[in-house]
Amino acid sequence: MNNADVEIYDLRGLKCPYPAIKTEKRLRGMVSGATLTVETTDPLAVIDIPHLCNEKGHKLLLSEKTDSGHRFVIRKG
């Protein structure tokens, strides 16, 4: 994977449901197989982002706690 295939999407500071809505919109504009890293501070994103991936056929590669919130790495399905 090269850096052109990875996007970092900073959604820190946004409250539910905006992180999931904006993540879904960003993924729609990406090519299949591309990777998106999402940074959030919304505690509900740990429920919403995995649910979004499951519903839309994306693969959640990583879900981890960070100092400022949470990081998700998603491969578009």
PDB file of N, CA and C in Angstrom:
ATOM      1  N   MET A   1       0.856  -1.178   0.000  1.00  0.00           N
ATOM      2  CA  MET A   1       0.000   0.000   0.000  1.00  0.00           C
ATOM      3  C   MET A   1       0.898   1.236   0.000  1.00  0.00           C
ATOM      4  N   ASN A   2       0.619   2.207  -0.855  1.00  0.00           N
ATOM      5  CA  ASN A   2       1.386   3.444  -0.822  1.00  0.00           C
ATOM      6  C   ASN A   2       0.539   4.550  -0.215  1.00  0.00           C
ATOM      7  N   ASN A   3       1.173   5.673   0.089  1.00  0.00           N
ATOM      8  CA  ASN A   3       0.481   6.756   0.782  1.00  0.00           C
ATOM      9  C   ASN A   3      -0.681   7.336  -0.011  1.00  0.00           C
ATOM     10  N   ALA A   4      -0.655   7.198  -1.318  1.00  0.00           N
ATOM     11  CA  ALA A   4      -1.753   7.713  -2.140  1.00  0.00           C
ATOM     12  C   ALA A   4      -3.047   6.934  -1.895  1.00  0.00           C
ATOM     13  N   ASP A   5      -2.923   5.725  -1.358  1.00  0.00           N
ATOM     14  CA  ASP A   5      -4.099   4.893  -1.101  1.00  0.00           C
ATOM     15  C   ASP A   5      -4.720   5.154   0.273  1.00  0.00           C
ATOM     16  N   VAL A   6      -4.057   5.963   1.105  1.00  0.00           N
ATOM     17  CA  VAL A   6      -4.513   6.182   2.475  1.00  0.00           C
ATOM     18  C   VAL A   6      -4.917   7.643   2.650  1.00  0.00           C
ATOM     19  N   GLU A   7      -6.114   7.843   3.171  1.00  0.00           N
ATOM     20  CA  GLU A   7      -6.574   9.189   3.492  1.00  0.00           C
ATOM     21  C   GLU A   7      -6.820   9.255   4.989  1.00  0.00           C
ATOM     22  N   ILE A   8      -6.475  10.394   5.595  1.00  0.00           N
ATOM     23  CA  ILE A   8      -6.775  10.618   7.010  1.00  0.00           C
ATOM     24  C   ILE A   8      -7.881  11.660   7.074  1.00  0.00           C
ATOM     25  N   TYR A   9      -8.941  11.310   7.767  1.00  0.00           N
ATOM     26  CA  TYR A   9     -10.119  12.165   7.849  1.00  0.00           C
ATOM     27  C   TYR A   9     -10.287  12.574   9.310  1.00  0.00           C
ATOM     28  N   ASP A  10     -10.059  13.840   9.601  1.00  0.00           N
ATOM     29  CA  ASP A  10     -10.114  14.349  10.967  1.00  0.00           C
ATOM     30  C   ASP A  10     -11.526  14.826  11.281  1.00  0.00           C
ATOM     31  N   LEU A  11     -12.232  14.045  12.080  1.00  0.00           N
ATOM     32  CA  LEU A  11     -13.600  14.383  12.480  1.00  0.00           C
ATOM     33  C   LEU A  11     -13.676  14.670  13.979  1.00  0.00           C
ATOM     34  N   ARG A  12     -12.536  14.996  14.576  1.00  0.00           N
ATOM     35  CA  ARG A  12     -12.521  15.308  16.002  1.00  0.00           C
ATOM     36  C   ARG A  12     -13.347  16.558  16.275  1.00  0.00           C
ATOM     37  N   GLY A  13     -14.107  16.520  17.349  1.00  0.00           N
ATOM     38  CA  GLY A  13     -14.951  17.653  17.724  1.00  0.00           C
ATOM     39  C   GLY A  13     -16.385  17.530  17.258  1.00  0.00           C
ATOM     40  N   LEU A  14     -16.650  16.632  16.309  1.00  0.00           N
ATOM     41  CA  LEU A  14     -18.020  16.441  15.827  1.00  0.00           C
ATOM     42  C   LEU A  14     -18.761  15.446  16.714  1.00  0.00           C
ATOM     43  N   LYS A  15     -20.029  15.692  16.927  1.00  0.00           N
ATOM     44  CA  LYS A  15     -20.865  14.823  17.755  1.00  0.00           C
ATOM     45  C   LYS A  15     -21.756  13.949  16.881  1.00  0.00           C
ATOM     46  N   CYS A  16     -22.193  12.828  17.441  1.00  0.00           N
ATOM     47  CA  CYS A  16     -23.096  11.890  16.799  1.00  0.00           C
ATOM     48  C   CYS A  16     -24.310  12.649  16.264  1.00  0.00           C
ATOM     49  N   PRO A  17     -24.712  12.394  15.057  1.00  0.00           N
ATOM     50  CA  PRO A  17     -24.325  11.308  14.151  1.00  0.00           C
ATOM     51  C   PRO A  17     -23.309  11.724  13.081  1.00  0.00           C
ATOM     52  N   TYR A  18     -22.738  12.940  13.194  1.00  0.00           N
ATOM     53  CA  TYR A  18     -21.914  13.472  12.110  1.00  0.00           C
ATOM     54  C   TYR A  18     -20.668  12.662  11.747  1.00  0.00           C
ATOM     55  N   PRO A  19     -19.930  12.082  12.712  1.00  0.00           N
ATOM     56  CA  PRO A  19     -18.778  11.273  12.278  1.00  0.00           C
ATOM     57  C   PRO A  19     -19.164  10.127  11.341  1.00  0.00           C
ATOM     58  N   ALA A  20     -20.245   9.422  11.643  1.00  0.00           N
ATOM     59  CA  ALA A  20     -20.674   8.306  10.789  1.00  0.00           C
ATOM     60  C   ALA A  20     -21.191   8.815   9.442  1.00  0.00           C
ATOM     61  N   ILE A  21     -21.960   9.891   9.448  1.00  0.00           N
ATOM     62  CA  ILE A  21     -22.507  10.443   8.199  1.00  0.00           C
ATOM     63  C   ILE A  21     -21.375  10.917   7.291  1.00  0.00           C
ATOM     64  N   LYS A  22     -20.427  11.657   7.845  1.00  0.00           N
ATOM     65  CA  LYS A  22     -19.326  12.182   7.045  1.00  0.00           C
ATOM     66  C   LYS A  22     -18.394  11.063   6.571  1.00  0.00           C
ATOM     67  N   THR A  23     -18.201  10.040   7.403  1.00  0.00           N
ATOM     68  CA  THR A  23     -17.378   8.894   6.996  1.00  0.00           C
ATOM     69  C   THR A  23     -18.034   8.179   5.824  1.00  0.00           C
ATOM     70  N   GLU A  24     -19.344   7.953   5.906  1.00  0.00           N
ATOM     71  CA  GLU A  24     -20.051   7.282   4.818  1.00  0.00           C
ATOM     72  C   GLU A  24     -19.945   8.089   3.523  1.00  0.00           C
ATOM     73  N   LYS A  25     -20.121   9.392   3.612  1.00  0.00           N
ATOM     74  CA  LYS A  25     -20.039  10.242   2.423  1.00  0.00           C
ATOM     75  C   LYS A  25     -18.634  10.202   1.826  1.00  0.00           C
ATOM     76  N   ARG A  26     -17.611  10.260   2.657  1.00  0.00           N
ATOM     77  CA  ARG A  26     -16.229  10.224   2.160  1.00  0.00           C
ATOM     78  C   ARG A  26     -15.933   8.887   1.488  1.00  0.00           C
ATOM     79  N   LEU A  27     -16.381   7.781   2.101  1.00  0.00           N
ATOM     80  CA  LEU A  27     -16.148   6.457   1.514  1.00  0.00           C
ATOM     81  C   LEU A  27     -16.835   6.313   0.163  1.00  0.00           C
ATOM     82  N   ARG A  28     -18.024   6.898   0.010  1.00  0.00           N
ATOM     83  CA  ARG A  28     -18.747   6.824  -1.258  1.00  0.00           C
ATOM     84  C   ARG A  28     -17.929   7.391  -2.406  1.00  0.00           C
ATOM     85  N   GLY A  29     -17.112   8.398  -2.129  1.00  0.00           N
ATOM     86  CA  GLY A  29     -16.321   9.031  -3.160  1.00  0.00           C
ATOM     87  C   GLY A  29     -14.975   8.374  -3.413  1.00  0.00           C
ATOM     88  N   MET A  30     -14.683   7.287  -2.713  1.00  0.00           N
ATOM     89  CA  MET A  30     -13.391   6.615  -2.838  1.00  0.00           C
ATOM     90  C   MET A  30     -13.517   5.361  -3.699  1.00  0.00           C
ATOM     91  N   VAL A  31     -12.386   4.919  -4.255  1.00  0.00           N
ATOM     92  CA  VAL A  31     -12.389   3.696  -5.054  1.00  0.00           C
ATOM     93  C   VAL A  31     -12.391   2.481  -4.138  1.00  0.00           C
ATOM     94  N   SER A  32     -12.953   1.387  -4.597  1.00  0.00           N
ATOM     95  CA  SER A  32     -12.990   0.150  -3.834  1.00  0.00           C
ATOM     96  C   SER A  32     -11.570  -0.293  -3.513  1.00  0.00           C
ATOM     97  N   GLY A  33     -11.340  -0.690  -2.265  1.00  0.00           N
ATOM     98  CA  GLY A  33     -10.023  -1.136  -1.832  1.00  0.00           C
ATOM     99  C   GLY A  33      -9.181  -0.036  -1.214  1.00  0.00           C
ATOM    100  N   ALA A  34      -9.602   1.220  -1.358  1.00  0.00           N
ATOM    101  CA  ALA A  34      -8.865   2.336  -0.756  1.00  0.00           C
ATOM    102  C   ALA A  34      -9.037   2.284   0.759  1.00  0.00           C
ATOM    103  N   THR A  35      -8.088   2.880   1.471  1.00  0.00           N
ATOM    104  CA  THR A  35      -8.109   2.877   2.926  1.00  0.00           C
ATOM    105  C   THR A  35      -8.335   4.289   3.440  1.00  0.00           C
ATOM    106  N   LEU A  36      -9.213   4.397   4.440  1.00  0.00           N
ATOM    107  CA  LEU A  36      -9.518   5.672   5.073  1.00  0.00           C
ATOM    108  C   LEU A  36      -9.252   5.547   6.562  1.00  0.00           C
ATOM    109  N   THR A  37      -8.462   6.472   7.105  1.00  0.00           N
ATOM    110  CA  THR A  37      -8.241   6.547   8.545  1.00  0.00           C
ATOM    111  C   THR A  37      -9.091   7.688   9.080  1.00  0.00           C
ATOM    112  N   VAL A  38      -9.929   7.378  10.064  1.00  0.00           N
ATOM    113  CA  VAL A  38     -10.846   8.361  10.640  1.00  0.00           C
ATOM    114  C   VAL A  38     -10.446   8.609  12.087  1.00  0.00           C
ATOM    115  N   GLU A  39     -10.304   9.890  12.446  1.00  0.00           N
ATOM    116  CA  GLU A  39     -10.013  10.298  13.821  1.00  0.00           C
ATOM    117  C   GLU A  39     -11.264  10.955  14.396  1.00  0.00           C
ATOM    118  N   THR A  40     -11.721  10.486  15.559  1.00  0.00           N
ATOM    119  CA  THR A  40     -12.926  11.049  16.175  1.00  0.00           C
ATOM    120  C   THR A  40     -12.715  11.290  17.667  1.00  0.00           C
ATOM    121  N   THR A  41     -13.570  12.135  18.231  1.00  0.00           N
ATOM    122  CA  THR A  41     -13.623  12.324  19.676  1.00  0.00           C
ATOM    123  C   THR A  41     -14.998  11.929  20.217  1.00  0.00           C
ATOM    124  N   ASP A  42     -15.930  11.627  19.351  1.00  0.00           N
ATOM    125  CA  ASP A  42     -17.294  11.262  19.750  1.00  0.00           C
ATOM    126  C   ASP A  42     -17.294   9.847  20.332  1.00  0.00           C
ATOM    127  N   PRO A  43     -17.689   9.688  21.604  1.00  0.00           N
ATOM    128  CA  PRO A  43     -17.685   8.345  22.207  1.00  0.00           C
ATOM    129  C   PRO A  43     -18.615   7.351  21.507  1.00  0.00           C
ATOM    130  N   LEU A  44     -19.668   7.833  20.852  1.00  0.00           N
ATOM    131  CA  LEU A  44     -20.591   6.924  20.173  1.00  0.00           C
ATOM    132  C   LEU A  44     -20.040   6.405  18.848  1.00  0.00           C
ATOM    133  N   ALA A  45     -18.953   6.990  18.369  1.00  0.00           N
ATOM    134  CA  ALA A  45     -18.357   6.529  17.110  1.00  0.00           C
ATOM    135  C   ALA A  45     -17.882   5.081  17.218  1.00  0.00           C
ATOM    136  N   VAL A  46     -17.545   4.624  18.423  1.00  0.00           N
ATOM    137  CA  VAL A  46     -17.104   3.224  18.581  1.00  0.00           C
ATOM    138  C   VAL A  46     -18.236   2.247  18.298  1.00  0.00           C
ATOM    139  N   ILE A  47     -19.464   2.725  18.324  1.00  0.00           N
ATOM    140  CA  ILE A  47     -20.625   1.915  17.947  1.00  0.00           C
ATOM    141  C   ILE A  47     -20.996   2.195  16.490  1.00  0.00           C
ATOM    142  N   ASP A  48     -21.050   3.481  16.137  1.00  0.00           N
ATOM    143  CA  ASP A  48     -21.548   3.899  14.826  1.00  0.00           C
ATOM    144  C   ASP A  48     -20.646   3.507  13.663  1.00  0.00           C
ATOM    145  N   ILE A  49     -19.338   3.667  13.795  1.00  0.00           N
ATOM    146  CA  ILE A  49     -18.430   3.397  12.679  1.00  0.00           C
ATOM    147  C   ILE A  49     -18.374   1.895  12.361  1.00  0.00           C
ATOM    148  N   PRO A  50     -18.209   1.005  13.352  1.00  0.00           N
ATOM    149  CA  PRO A  50     -18.263  -0.429  13.026  1.00  0.00           C
ATOM    150  C   PRO A  50     -19.605  -0.836  12.411  1.00  0.00           C
ATOM    151  N   HIS A  51     -20.709  -0.260  12.902  1.00  0.00           N
ATOM    152  CA  HIS A  51     -22.033  -0.562  12.351  1.00  0.00           C
ATOM    153  C   HIS A  51     -22.107  -0.107  10.887  1.00  0.00           C
ATOM    154  N   LEU A  52     -21.604   1.072  10.608  1.00  0.00           N
ATOM    155  CA  LEU A  52     -21.573   1.584   9.241  1.00  0.00           C
ATOM    156  C   LEU A  52     -20.803   0.626   8.331  1.00  0.00           C
ATOM    157  N   CYS A  53     -19.628   0.188   8.774  1.00  0.00           N
ATOM    158  CA  CYS A  53     -18.817  -0.730   7.970  1.00  0.00           C
ATOM    159  C   CYS A  53     -19.571  -2.025   7.695  1.00  0.00           C
ATOM    160  N   ASN A  54     -20.209  -2.560   8.718  1.00  0.00           N
ATOM    161  CA  ASN A  54     -20.965  -3.799   8.586  1.00  0.00           C
ATOM    162  C   ASN A  54     -22.134  -3.649   7.611  1.00  0.00           C
ATOM    163  N   GLU A  55     -22.846  -2.544   7.726  1.00  0.00           N
ATOM    164  CA  GLU A  55     -24.022  -2.308   6.883  1.00  0.00           C
ATOM    165  C   GLU A  55     -23.663  -2.060   5.420  1.00  0.00           C
ATOM    166  N   LYS A  56     -22.537  -1.383   5.180  1.00  0.00           N
ATOM    167  CA  LYS A  56     -22.184  -0.951   3.831  1.00  0.00           C
ATOM    168  C   LYS A  56     -21.146  -1.843   3.158  1.00  0.00           C
ATOM    169  N   GLY A  57     -20.688  -2.887   3.853  1.00  0.00           N
ATOM    170  CA  GLY A  57     -19.758  -3.833   3.239  1.00  0.00           C
ATOM    171  C   GLY A  57     -18.303  -3.400   3.231  1.00  0.00           C
ATOM    172  N   HIS A  58     -17.931  -2.489   4.141  1.00  0.00           N
ATOM    173  CA  HIS A  58     -16.540  -2.070   4.265  1.00  0.00           C
ATOM    174  C   HIS A  58     -15.861  -2.929   5.332  1.00  0.00           C
ATOM    175  N   LYS A  59     -14.538  -2.990   5.297  1.00  0.00           N
ATOM    176  CA  LYS A  59     -13.799  -3.783   6.279  1.00  0.00           C
ATOM    177  C   LYS A  59     -13.148  -2.843   7.287  1.00  0.00           C
ATOM    178  N   LEU A  60     -13.474  -3.031   8.564  1.00  0.00           N
ATOM    179  CA  LEU A  60     -12.851  -2.267   9.633  1.00  0.00           C
ATOM    180  C   LEU A  60     -11.529  -2.956   9.978  1.00  0.00           C
ATOM    181  N   LEU A  61     -10.424  -2.339   9.567  1.00  0.00           N
ATOM    182  CA  LEU A  61      -9.103  -2.935   9.761  1.00  0.00           C
ATOM    183  C   LEU A  61      -8.555  -2.681  11.159  1.00  0.00           C
ATOM    184  N   LEU A  62      -8.932  -1.536  11.747  1.00  0.00           N
ATOM    185  CA  LEU A  62      -8.394  -1.160  13.051  1.00  0.00           C
ATOM    186  C   LEU A  62      -9.369  -0.243  13.760  1.00  0.00           C
ATOM    187  N   SER A  63      -9.538  -0.474  15.042  1.00  0.00           N
ATOM    188  CA  SER A  63     -10.295   0.419  15.908  1.00  0.00           C
ATOM    189  C   SER A  63      -9.477   0.542  17.181  1.00  0.00           C
ATOM    190  N   GLU A  64      -8.965   1.757  17.462  1.00  0.00           N
ATOM    191  CA  GLU A  64      -8.104   1.907  18.635  1.00  0.00           C
ATOM    192  C   GLU A  64      -8.350   3.227  19.339  1.00  0.00           C
ATOM    193  N   LYS A  65      -8.176   3.191  20.657  1.00  0.00           N
ATOM    194  CA  LYS A  65      -8.293   4.394  21.469  1.00  0.00           C
ATOM    195  C   LYS A  65      -7.031   5.230  21.271  1.00  0.00           C
ATOM    196  N   THR A  66      -7.207   6.533  21.178  1.00  0.00           N
ATOM    197  CA  THR A  66      -6.076   7.457  21.090  1.00  0.00           C
ATOM    198  C   THR A  66      -6.128   8.404  22.284  1.00  0.00           C
ATOM    199  N   ASP A  67      -5.115   9.235  22.436  1.00  0.00           N
ATOM    200  CA  ASP A  67      -5.100  10.205  23.541  1.00  0.00           C
ATOM    201  C   ASP A  67      -6.283  11.158  23.476  1.00  0.00           C
ATOM    202  N   SER A  68      -6.704  11.500  22.250  1.00  0.00           N
ATOM    203  CA  SER A  68      -7.777  12.485  22.106  1.00  0.00           C
ATOM    204  C   SER A  68      -9.126  11.876  21.725  1.00  0.00           C
ATOM    205  N   GLY A  69      -9.187  10.574  21.512  1.00  0.00           N
ATOM    206  CA  GLY A  69     -10.460   9.964  21.119  1.00  0.00           C
ATOM    207  C   GLY A  69     -10.303   8.567  20.577  1.00  0.00           C
ATOM    208  N   HIS A  70     -10.609   8.392  19.307  1.00  0.00           N
ATOM    209  CA  HIS A  70     -10.591   7.067  18.702  1.00  0.00           C
ATOM    210  C   HIS A  70     -10.134   7.157  17.255  1.00  0.00           C
ATOM    211  N   ARG A  71      -9.480   6.099  16.781  1.00  0.00           N
ATOM    212  CA  ARG A  71      -9.015   6.019  15.396  1.00  0.00           C
ATOM    213  C   ARG A  71      -9.562   4.745  14.780  1.00  0.00           C
ATOM    214  N   PHE A  72     -10.083   4.895  13.561  1.00  0.00           N
ATOM    215  CA  PHE A  72     -10.593   3.760  12.796  1.00  0.00           C
ATOM    216  C   PHE A  72      -9.866   3.720  11.460  1.00  0.00           C
ATOM    217  N   VAL A  73      -9.486   2.531  11.041  1.00  0.00           N
ATOM    218  CA  VAL A  73      -8.919   2.363   9.706  1.00  0.00           C
ATOM    219  C   VAL A  73      -9.879   1.453   8.953  1.00  0.00           C
ATOM    220  N   ILE A  74     -10.389   1.956   7.823  1.00  0.00           N
ATOM    221  CA  ILE A  74     -11.448   1.294   7.063  1.00  0.00           C
ATOM    222  C   ILE A  74     -10.961   1.068   5.640  1.00  0.00           C
ATOM    223  N   ARG A  75     -11.181  -0.149   5.131  1.00  0.00           N
ATOM    224  CA  ARG A  75     -10.945  -0.429   3.707  1.00  0.00           C
ATOM    225  C   ARG A  75     -12.298  -0.438   3.024  1.00  0.00           C
ATOM    226  N   LYS A  76     -12.438   0.408   2.005  1.00  0.00           N
ATOM    227  CA  LYS A  76     -13.715   0.488   1.298  1.00  0.00           C
ATOM    228  C   LYS A  76     -13.998  -0.818   0.573  1.00  0.00           C
ATOM    229  N   GLY A  77     -15.223  -1.296   0.715  1.00  0.00           N
ATOM    230  CA  GLY A  77     -15.654  -2.526   0.081  1.00  0.00           C
ATOM    231  C   GLY A  77     -16.051  -2.316  -1.358  1.00  0.00           C
TER     232      GLY A  77
END
